[in-house]
Amino acid sequence: MTFGGFTVSMGPPPEYEYHPAKGWIYTFGLNGMKTWFEPVYGDLKNIYHLFGGKYLGATGFTGIKISPLGSGFYLGSALRVKLGSSPP
């Protein structure tokens, strides 16, 4: 699962504009219960974010995704979740 992304403006030099994911997140795991009600980015190391403009925030997700009007609502569990309040 990815959280946040960026766009690139072409021009010498290229400039990156970072965009956080918005909404709310509840997690419960080895580090206890965590809640997020602010803009968030995925913070797991992932080379693919360089190409897709997304930040990996959860791996091993099992569950369902409900997508009304393009937004995402996930209900399930993940093996690893790491989020941050700024781009990695």
PDB file of N, CA and C in Angstrom:
ATOM      1  N   MET A   1       0.852  -1.171   0.000  1.00  0.00           N
ATOM      2  CA  MET A   1       0.000   0.000   0.000  1.00  0.00           C
ATOM      3  C   MET A   1       0.895   1.230   0.000  1.00  0.00           C
ATOM      4  N   THR A   2       0.492   2.210  -0.748  1.00  0.00           N
ATOM      5  CA  THR A   2       1.282   3.430  -0.830  1.00  0.00           C
ATOM      6  C   THR A   2       0.524   4.591  -0.197  1.00  0.00           C
ATOM      7  N   PHE A   3       1.279   5.540   0.325  1.00  0.00           N
ATOM      8  CA  PHE A   3       0.723   6.732   0.958  1.00  0.00           C
ATOM      9  C   PHE A   3       1.505   7.931   0.472  1.00  0.00           C
ATOM     10  N   GLY A   4       0.847   8.895  -0.155  1.00  0.00           N
ATOM     11  CA  GLY A   4       1.506  10.103  -0.643  1.00  0.00           C
ATOM     12  C   GLY A   4       2.154   9.888  -1.996  1.00  0.00           C
ATOM     13  N   GLY A   5       2.703  10.959  -2.549  1.00  0.00           N
ATOM     14  CA  GLY A   5       3.357  10.882  -3.848  1.00  0.00           C
ATOM     15  C   GLY A   5       4.004  12.203  -4.199  1.00  0.00           C
ATOM     16  N   PHE A   6       4.438  12.328  -5.447  1.00  0.00           N
ATOM     17  CA  PHE A   6       5.026  13.589  -5.883  1.00  0.00           C
ATOM     18  C   PHE A   6       4.787  13.794  -7.364  1.00  0.00           C
ATOM     19  N   THR A   7       4.930  15.036  -7.796  1.00  0.00           N
ATOM     20  CA  THR A   7       4.895  15.379  -9.211  1.00  0.00           C
ATOM     21  C   THR A   7       6.213  16.082  -9.540  1.00  0.00           C
ATOM     22  N   VAL A   8       6.594  16.010 -10.802  1.00  0.00           N
ATOM     23  CA  VAL A   8       7.849  16.612 -11.246  1.00  0.00           C
ATOM     24  C   VAL A   8       7.534  17.690 -12.264  1.00  0.00           C
ATOM     25  N   SER A   9       8.054  18.892 -12.042  1.00  0.00           N
ATOM     26  CA  SER A   9       7.916  19.951 -13.046  1.00  0.00           C
ATOM     27  C   SER A   9       9.199  19.971 -13.866  1.00  0.00           C
ATOM     28  N   MET A  10       9.027  19.879 -15.164  1.00  0.00           N
ATOM     29  CA  MET A  10      10.190  19.854 -16.055  1.00  0.00           C
ATOM     30  C   MET A  10      10.714  21.267 -16.257  1.00  0.00           C
ATOM     31  N   GLY A  11      11.947  21.413 -16.091  1.00  0.00           N
ATOM     32  CA  GLY A  11      12.600  22.697 -16.257  1.00  0.00           C
ATOM     33  C   GLY A  11      13.972  22.600 -15.646  1.00  0.00           C
ATOM     34  N   PRO A  12      14.871  23.349 -16.137  1.00  0.00           N
ATOM     35  CA  PRO A  12      16.214  23.214 -15.574  1.00  0.00           C
ATOM     36  C   PRO A  12      16.303  23.923 -14.236  1.00  0.00           C
ATOM     37  N   PRO A  13      16.581  23.258 -13.154  1.00  0.00           N
ATOM     38  CA  PRO A  13      16.562  21.813 -12.924  1.00  0.00           C
ATOM     39  C   PRO A  13      15.132  21.345 -12.616  1.00  0.00           C
ATOM     40  N   PRO A  14      14.855  20.036 -12.721  1.00  0.00           N
ATOM     41  CA  PRO A  14      13.519  19.542 -12.383  1.00  0.00           C
ATOM     42  C   PRO A  14      13.217  19.753 -10.899  1.00  0.00           C
ATOM     43  N   GLU A  15      11.982  20.098 -10.595  1.00  0.00           N
ATOM     44  CA  GLU A  15      11.589  20.319  -9.204  1.00  0.00           C
ATOM     45  C   GLU A  15      10.524  19.305  -8.821  1.00  0.00           C
ATOM     46  N   TYR A  16      10.639  18.763  -7.605  1.00  0.00           N
ATOM     47  CA  TYR A  16       9.703  17.769  -7.087  1.00  0.00           C
ATOM     48  C   TYR A  16       8.750  18.429  -6.103  1.00  0.00           C
ATOM     49  N   GLU A  17       7.466  18.202  -6.291  1.00  0.00           N
ATOM     50  CA  GLU A  17       6.457  18.693  -5.356  1.00  0.00           C
ATOM     51  C   GLU A  17       5.821  17.479  -4.684  1.00  0.00           C
ATOM     52  N   TYR A  18       5.954  17.397  -3.361  1.00  0.00           N
ATOM     53  CA  TYR A  18       5.476  16.233  -2.608  1.00  0.00           C
ATOM     54  C   TYR A  18       4.034  16.432  -2.160  1.00  0.00           C
ATOM     55  N   HIS A  19       3.251  15.354  -2.235  1.00  0.00           N
ATOM     56  CA  HIS A  19       1.842  15.385  -1.864  1.00  0.00           C
ATOM     57  C   HIS A  19       1.564  14.277  -0.849  1.00  0.00           C
ATOM     58  N   PRO A  20       1.114  14.624   0.350  1.00  0.00           N
ATOM     59  CA  PRO A  20       0.823  13.582   1.342  1.00  0.00           C
ATOM     60  C   PRO A  20      -0.531  12.930   1.082  1.00  0.00           C
ATOM     61  N   ALA A  21      -0.723  11.760   1.670  1.00  0.00           N
ATOM     62  CA  ALA A  21      -2.040  11.133   1.701  1.00  0.00           C
ATOM     63  C   ALA A  21      -2.846  11.857   2.776  1.00  0.00           C
ATOM     64  N   LYS A  22      -4.166  11.918   2.606  1.00  0.00           N
ATOM     65  CA  LYS A  22      -5.016  12.617   3.571  1.00  0.00           C
ATOM     66  C   LYS A  22      -6.112  11.682   4.038  1.00  0.00           C
ATOM     67  N   GLY A  23      -6.508  11.820   5.274  1.00  0.00           N
ATOM     68  CA  GLY A  23      -7.567  10.980   5.831  1.00  0.00           C
ATOM     69  C   GLY A  23      -7.230  10.584   7.247  1.00  0.00           C
ATOM     70  N   TRP A  24      -7.694   9.425   7.655  1.00  0.00           N
ATOM     71  CA  TRP A  24      -7.417   8.932   8.998  1.00  0.00           C
ATOM     72  C   TRP A  24      -6.972   7.482   8.917  1.00  0.00           C
ATOM     73  N   ILE A  25      -6.105   7.101   9.857  1.00  0.00           N
ATOM     74  CA  ILE A  25      -5.556   5.745   9.890  1.00  0.00           C
ATOM     75  C   ILE A  25      -5.550   5.275  11.337  1.00  0.00           C
ATOM     76  N   TYR A  26      -6.001   4.048  11.560  1.00  0.00           N
ATOM     77  CA  TYR A  26      -5.899   3.380  12.853  1.00  0.00           C
ATOM     78  C   TYR A  26      -5.081   2.112  12.658  1.00  0.00           C
ATOM     79  N   THR A  27      -4.066   1.898  13.478  1.00  0.00           N
ATOM     80  CA  THR A  27      -3.303   0.655  13.434  1.00  0.00           C
ATOM     81  C   THR A  27      -3.164   0.102  14.846  1.00  0.00           C
ATOM     82  N   PHE A  28      -3.063  -1.199  14.944  1.00  0.00           N
ATOM     83  CA  PHE A  28      -2.824  -1.860  16.226  1.00  0.00           C
ATOM     84  C   PHE A  28      -1.846  -2.982  15.976  1.00  0.00           C
ATOM     85  N   GLY A  29      -0.686  -2.940  16.618  1.00  0.00           N
ATOM     86  CA  GLY A  29       0.341  -3.948  16.356  1.00  0.00           C
ATOM     87  C   GLY A  29       1.312  -4.077  17.504  1.00  0.00           C
ATOM     88  N   LEU A  30       2.541  -4.490  17.194  1.00  0.00           N
ATOM     89  CA  LEU A  30       3.561  -4.708  18.213  1.00  0.00           C
ATOM     90  C   LEU A  30       3.917  -3.438  18.974  1.00  0.00           C
ATOM     91  N   ASN A  31       3.772  -2.298  18.341  1.00  0.00           N
ATOM     92  CA  ASN A  31       4.063  -1.017  18.996  1.00  0.00           C
ATOM     93  C   ASN A  31       2.829  -0.404  19.642  1.00  0.00           C
ATOM     94  N   GLY A  32       1.768  -1.180  19.795  1.00  0.00           N
ATOM     95  CA  GLY A  32       0.541  -0.670  20.404  1.00  0.00           C
ATOM     96  C   GLY A  32      -0.384  -0.056  19.366  1.00  0.00           C
ATOM     97  N   MET A  33      -1.323   0.726  19.839  1.00  0.00           N
ATOM     98  CA  MET A  33      -2.309   1.358  18.960  1.00  0.00           C
ATOM     99  C   MET A  33      -1.805   2.726  18.520  1.00  0.00           C
ATOM    100  N   LYS A  34      -1.885   2.984  17.242  1.00  0.00           N
ATOM    101  CA  LYS A  34      -1.467   4.272  16.666  1.00  0.00           C
ATOM    102  C   LYS A  34      -2.625   4.843  15.862  1.00  0.00           C
ATOM    103  N   THR A  35      -2.809   6.147  15.928  1.00  0.00           N
ATOM    104  CA  THR A  35      -3.833   6.814  15.127  1.00  0.00           C
ATOM    105  C   THR A  35      -3.198   8.010  14.419  1.00  0.00           C
ATOM    106  N   TRP A  36      -3.644   8.264  13.196  1.00  0.00           N
ATOM    107  CA  TRP A  36      -3.173   9.400  12.401  1.00  0.00           C
ATOM    108  C   TRP A  36      -4.391  10.136  11.875  1.00  0.00           C
ATOM    109  N   PHE A  37      -4.422  11.455  12.102  1.00  0.00           N
ATOM    110  CA  PHE A  37      -5.490  12.308  11.575  1.00  0.00           C
ATOM    111  C   PHE A  37      -4.894  13.484  10.814  1.00  0.00           C
ATOM    112  N   GLU A  38      -3.700  13.320  10.334  1.00  0.00           N
ATOM    113  CA  GLU A  38      -2.998  14.389   9.641  1.00  0.00           C
ATOM    114  C   GLU A  38      -2.468  13.864   8.320  1.00  0.00           C
ATOM    115  N   PRO A  39      -1.965  14.719   7.453  1.00  0.00           N
ATOM    116  CA  PRO A  39      -1.363  14.226   6.208  1.00  0.00           C
ATOM    117  C   PRO A  39      -0.209  13.274   6.511  1.00  0.00           C
ATOM    118  N   VAL A  40      -0.115  12.159   5.775  1.00  0.00           N
ATOM    119  CA  VAL A  40       0.911  11.151   6.033  1.00  0.00           C
ATOM    120  C   VAL A  40       1.571  10.677   4.742  1.00  0.00           C
ATOM    121  N   TYR A  41       2.787  10.202   4.886  1.00  0.00           N
ATOM    122  CA  TYR A  41       3.544   9.572   3.815  1.00  0.00           C
ATOM    123  C   TYR A  41       3.922   8.166   4.261  1.00  0.00           C
ATOM    124  N   GLY A  42       4.027   7.251   3.309  1.00  0.00           N
ATOM    125  CA  GLY A  42       4.604   5.956   3.624  1.00  0.00           C
ATOM    126  C   GLY A  42       6.088   6.146   3.871  1.00  0.00           C
ATOM    127  N   ASP A  43       6.675   5.354   4.779  1.00  0.00           N
ATOM    128  CA  ASP A  43       8.064   5.569   5.160  1.00  0.00           C
ATOM    129  C   ASP A  43       8.903   4.292   5.090  1.00  0.00           C
ATOM    130  N   LEU A  44       8.427   3.268   4.355  1.00  0.00           N
ATOM    131  CA  LEU A  44       9.221   2.060   4.168  1.00  0.00           C
ATOM    132  C   LEU A  44      10.173   2.262   3.000  1.00  0.00           C
ATOM    133  N   LYS A  45      11.361   1.714   3.083  1.00  0.00           N
ATOM    134  CA  LYS A  45      12.342   1.836   2.004  1.00  0.00           C
ATOM    135  C   LYS A  45      11.825   1.114   0.767  1.00  0.00           C
ATOM    136  N   ASN A  46      11.809   1.804  -0.359  1.00  0.00           N
ATOM    137  CA  ASN A  46      11.268   1.225  -1.585  1.00  0.00           C
ATOM    138  C   ASN A  46      11.832   1.971  -2.785  1.00  0.00           C
ATOM    139  N   ILE A  47      12.561   1.286  -3.637  1.00  0.00           N
ATOM    140  CA  ILE A  47      13.132   1.929  -4.823  1.00  0.00           C
ATOM    141  C   ILE A  47      12.056   2.315  -5.830  1.00  0.00           C
ATOM    142  N   TYR A  48      10.912   1.641  -5.802  1.00  0.00           N
ATOM    143  CA  TYR A  48       9.876   1.898  -6.793  1.00  0.00           C
ATOM    144  C   TYR A  48       9.252   3.289  -6.666  1.00  0.00           C
ATOM    145  N   HIS A  49       9.350   3.930  -5.499  1.00  0.00           N
ATOM    146  CA  HIS A  49       8.766   5.272  -5.387  1.00  0.00           C
ATOM    147  C   HIS A  49       9.453   6.260  -6.312  1.00  0.00           C
ATOM    148  N   LEU A  50      10.692   5.960  -6.717  1.00  0.00           N
ATOM    149  CA  LEU A  50      11.386   6.848  -7.644  1.00  0.00           C
ATOM    150  C   LEU A  50      10.724   6.867  -9.012  1.00  0.00           C
ATOM    151  N   PHE A  51      10.046   5.770  -9.365  1.00  0.00           N
ATOM    152  CA  PHE A  51       9.434   5.657 -10.671  1.00  0.00           C
ATOM    153  C   PHE A  51       7.937   5.919 -10.658  1.00  0.00           C
ATOM    154  N   GLY A  52       7.264   5.552  -9.572  1.00  0.00           N
ATOM    155  CA  GLY A  52       5.819   5.664  -9.536  1.00  0.00           C
ATOM    156  C   GLY A  52       5.294   6.854  -8.777  1.00  0.00           C
ATOM    157  N   GLY A  53       6.149   7.601  -8.097  1.00  0.00           N
ATOM    158  CA  GLY A  53       5.699   8.767  -7.367  1.00  0.00           C
ATOM    159  C   GLY A  53       4.893   8.441  -6.130  1.00  0.00           C
ATOM    160  N   LYS A  54       5.079   7.240  -5.575  1.00  0.00           N
ATOM    161  CA  LYS A  54       4.334   6.828  -4.391  1.00  0.00           C
ATOM    162  C   LYS A  54       5.306   6.357  -3.322  1.00  0.00           C
ATOM    163  N   TYR A  55       4.878   6.418  -2.071  1.00  0.00           N
ATOM    164  CA  TYR A  55       5.694   5.964  -0.948  1.00  0.00           C
ATOM    165  C   TYR A  55       5.052   4.752  -0.308  1.00  0.00           C
ATOM    166  N   LEU A  56       5.806   3.662  -0.230  1.00  0.00           N
ATOM    167  CA  LEU A  56       5.315   2.429   0.355  1.00  0.00           C
ATOM    168  C   LEU A  56       5.126   2.628   1.853  1.00  0.00           C
ATOM    169  N   GLY A  57       3.917   2.330   2.356  1.00  0.00           N
ATOM    170  CA  GLY A  57       3.628   2.528   3.771  1.00  0.00           C
ATOM    171  C   GLY A  57       3.196   1.268   4.482  1.00  0.00           C
ATOM    172  N   ALA A  58       2.808   0.221   3.741  1.00  0.00           N
ATOM    173  CA  ALA A  58       2.380  -1.032   4.365  1.00  0.00           C
ATOM    174  C   ALA A  58       2.695  -2.184   3.421  1.00  0.00           C
ATOM    175  N   THR A  59       3.142  -3.305   3.991  1.00  0.00           N
ATOM    176  CA  THR A  59       3.396  -4.508   3.206  1.00  0.00           C
ATOM    177  C   THR A  59       2.601  -5.665   3.788  1.00  0.00           C
ATOM    178  N   GLY A  60       2.327  -6.651   2.959  1.00  0.00           N
ATOM    179  CA  GLY A  60       1.615  -7.844   3.411  1.00  0.00           C
ATOM    180  C   GLY A  60       0.169  -7.580   3.771  1.00  0.00           C
ATOM    181  N   PHE A  61      -0.486  -6.649   3.071  1.00  0.00           N
ATOM    182  CA  PHE A  61      -1.877  -6.319   3.381  1.00  0.00           C
ATOM    183  C   PHE A  61      -2.804  -7.438   2.930  1.00  0.00           C
ATOM    184  N   THR A  62      -3.700  -7.842   3.814  1.00  0.00           N
ATOM    185  CA  THR A  62      -4.754  -8.803   3.509  1.00  0.00           C
ATOM    186  C   THR A  62      -6.059  -8.190   3.967  1.00  0.00           C
ATOM    187  N   GLY A  63      -7.014  -8.055   3.061  1.00  0.00           N
ATOM    188  CA  GLY A  63      -8.294  -7.467   3.418  1.00  0.00           C
ATOM    189  C   GLY A  63      -9.030  -7.004   2.191  1.00  0.00           C
ATOM    190  N   ILE A  64      -9.844  -5.978   2.369  1.00  0.00           N
ATOM    191  CA  ILE A  64     -10.624  -5.453   1.255  1.00  0.00           C
ATOM    192  C   ILE A  64     -10.366  -3.952   1.103  1.00  0.00           C
ATOM    193  N   LYS A  65     -10.588  -3.463  -0.117  1.00  0.00           N
ATOM    194  CA  LYS A  65     -10.503  -2.034  -0.402  1.00  0.00           C
ATOM    195  C   LYS A  65     -11.834  -1.608  -0.992  1.00  0.00           C
ATOM    196  N   ILE A  66     -12.391  -0.555  -0.450  1.00  0.00           N
ATOM    197  CA  ILE A  66     -13.625   0.031  -0.967  1.00  0.00           C
ATOM    198  C   ILE A  66     -13.227   1.371  -1.574  1.00  0.00           C
ATOM    199  N   SER A  67     -13.588   1.592  -2.839  1.00  0.00           N
ATOM    200  CA  SER A  67     -13.134   2.791  -3.552  1.00  0.00           C
ATOM    201  C   SER A  67     -14.301   3.634  -4.058  1.00  0.00           C
ATOM    202  N   PRO A  68     -14.977   4.373  -3.182  1.00  0.00           N
ATOM    203  CA  PRO A  68     -16.011   5.280  -3.685  1.00  0.00           C
ATOM    204  C   PRO A  68     -15.389   6.551  -4.245  1.00  0.00           C
ATOM    205  N   LEU A  69     -15.707   6.875  -5.466  1.00  0.00           N
ATOM    206  CA  LEU A  69     -15.271   8.119  -6.101  1.00  0.00           C
ATOM    207  C   LEU A  69     -13.756   8.293  -6.103  1.00  0.00           C
ATOM    208  N   GLY A  70     -13.007   7.218  -6.286  1.00  0.00           N
ATOM    209  CA  GLY A  70     -11.566   7.316  -6.409  1.00  0.00           C
ATOM    210  C   GLY A  70     -10.782   7.318  -5.116  1.00  0.00           C
ATOM    211  N   SER A  71     -11.426   7.550  -3.974  1.00  0.00           N
ATOM    212  CA  SER A  71     -10.704   7.490  -2.711  1.00  0.00           C
ATOM    213  C   SER A  71     -10.620   6.033  -2.265  1.00  0.00           C
ATOM    214  N   GLY A  72      -9.813   5.743  -1.262  1.00  0.00           N
ATOM    215  CA  GLY A  72      -9.654   4.362  -0.823  1.00  0.00           C
ATOM    216  C   GLY A  72      -9.954   4.189   0.652  1.00  0.00           C
ATOM    217  N   PHE A  73     -10.691   3.157   0.974  1.00  0.00           N
ATOM    218  CA  PHE A  73     -10.963   2.772   2.350  1.00  0.00           C
ATOM    219  C   PHE A  73     -10.546   1.318   2.476  1.00  0.00           C
ATOM    220  N   TYR A  74      -9.608   1.022   3.362  1.00  0.00           N
ATOM    221  CA  TYR A  74      -9.076  -0.321   3.518  1.00  0.00           C
ATOM    222  C   TYR A  74      -9.501  -0.890   4.867  1.00  0.00           C
ATOM    223  N   LEU A  75      -9.873  -2.142   4.872  1.00  0.00           N
ATOM    224  CA  LEU A  75     -10.211  -2.839   6.112  1.00  0.00           C
ATOM    225  C   LEU A  75      -9.516  -4.186   6.066  1.00  0.00           C
ATOM    226  N   GLY A  76      -8.565  -4.411   6.967  1.00  0.00           N
ATOM    227  CA  GLY A  76      -7.819  -5.657   6.962  1.00  0.00           C
ATOM    228  C   GLY A  76      -6.615  -5.566   7.871  1.00  0.00           C
ATOM    229  N   SER A  77      -5.582  -6.347   7.558  1.00  0.00           N
ATOM    230  CA  SER A  77      -4.367  -6.338   8.364  1.00  0.00           C
ATOM    231  C   SER A  77      -3.153  -6.297   7.448  1.00  0.00           C
ATOM    232  N   ALA A  78      -2.036  -5.816   7.988  1.00  0.00           N
ATOM    233  CA  ALA A  78      -0.782  -5.731   7.239  1.00  0.00           C
ATOM    234  C   ALA A  78       0.345  -6.246   8.129  1.00  0.00           C
ATOM    235  N   LEU A  79       1.348  -6.857   7.516  1.00  0.00           N
ATOM    236  CA  LEU A  79       2.481  -7.368   8.284  1.00  0.00           C
ATOM    237  C   LEU A  79       3.365  -6.248   8.820  1.00  0.00           C
ATOM    238  N   ARG A  80       3.505  -5.194   8.029  1.00  0.00           N
ATOM    239  CA  ARG A  80       4.373  -4.086   8.434  1.00  0.00           C
ATOM    240  C   ARG A  80       3.767  -2.782   7.984  1.00  0.00           C
ATOM    241  N   VAL A  81       3.726  -1.798   8.888  1.00  0.00           N
ATOM    242  CA  VAL A  81       3.216  -0.465   8.573  1.00  0.00           C
ATOM    243  C   VAL A  81       4.217   0.542   9.118  1.00  0.00           C
ATOM    244  N   LYS A  82       4.623   1.498   8.277  1.00  0.00           N
ATOM    245  CA  LYS A  82       5.498   2.574   8.734  1.00  0.00           C
ATOM    246  C   LYS A  82       5.090   3.849   8.028  1.00  0.00           C
ATOM    247  N   LEU A  83       4.692   4.849   8.817  1.00  0.00           N
ATOM    248  CA  LEU A  83       4.196   6.116   8.282  1.00  0.00           C
ATOM    249  C   LEU A  83       5.012   7.257   8.844  1.00  0.00           C
ATOM    250  N   GLY A  84       5.020   8.381   8.133  1.00  0.00           N
ATOM    251  CA  GLY A  84       5.728   9.569   8.603  1.00  0.00           C
ATOM    252  C   GLY A  84       4.953  10.818   8.221  1.00  0.00           C
ATOM    253  N   SER A  85       5.288  11.942   8.843  1.00  0.00           N
ATOM    254  CA  SER A  85       4.586  13.185   8.562  1.00  0.00           C
ATOM    255  C   SER A  85       5.311  14.049   7.535  1.00  0.00           C
ATOM    256  N   SER A  86       6.463  13.575   7.024  1.00  0.00           N
ATOM    257  CA  SER A  86       7.185  14.287   5.981  1.00  0.00           C
ATOM    258  C   SER A  86       7.716  13.286   4.956  1.00  0.00           C
ATOM    259  N   PRO A  87       8.019  13.747   3.745  1.00  0.00           N
ATOM    260  CA  PRO A  87       8.526  12.813   2.728  1.00  0.00           C
ATOM    261  C   PRO A  87       9.827  12.162   3.200  1.00  0.00           C
ATOM    262  N   PRO A  88      10.019  10.867   2.910  1.00  0.00           N
ATOM    263  CA  PRO A  88      11.261  10.197   3.325  1.00  0.00           C
ATOM    264  C   PRO A  88      12.473  10.712   2.563  1.00  0.00           C
TER     265      PRO A  88
END
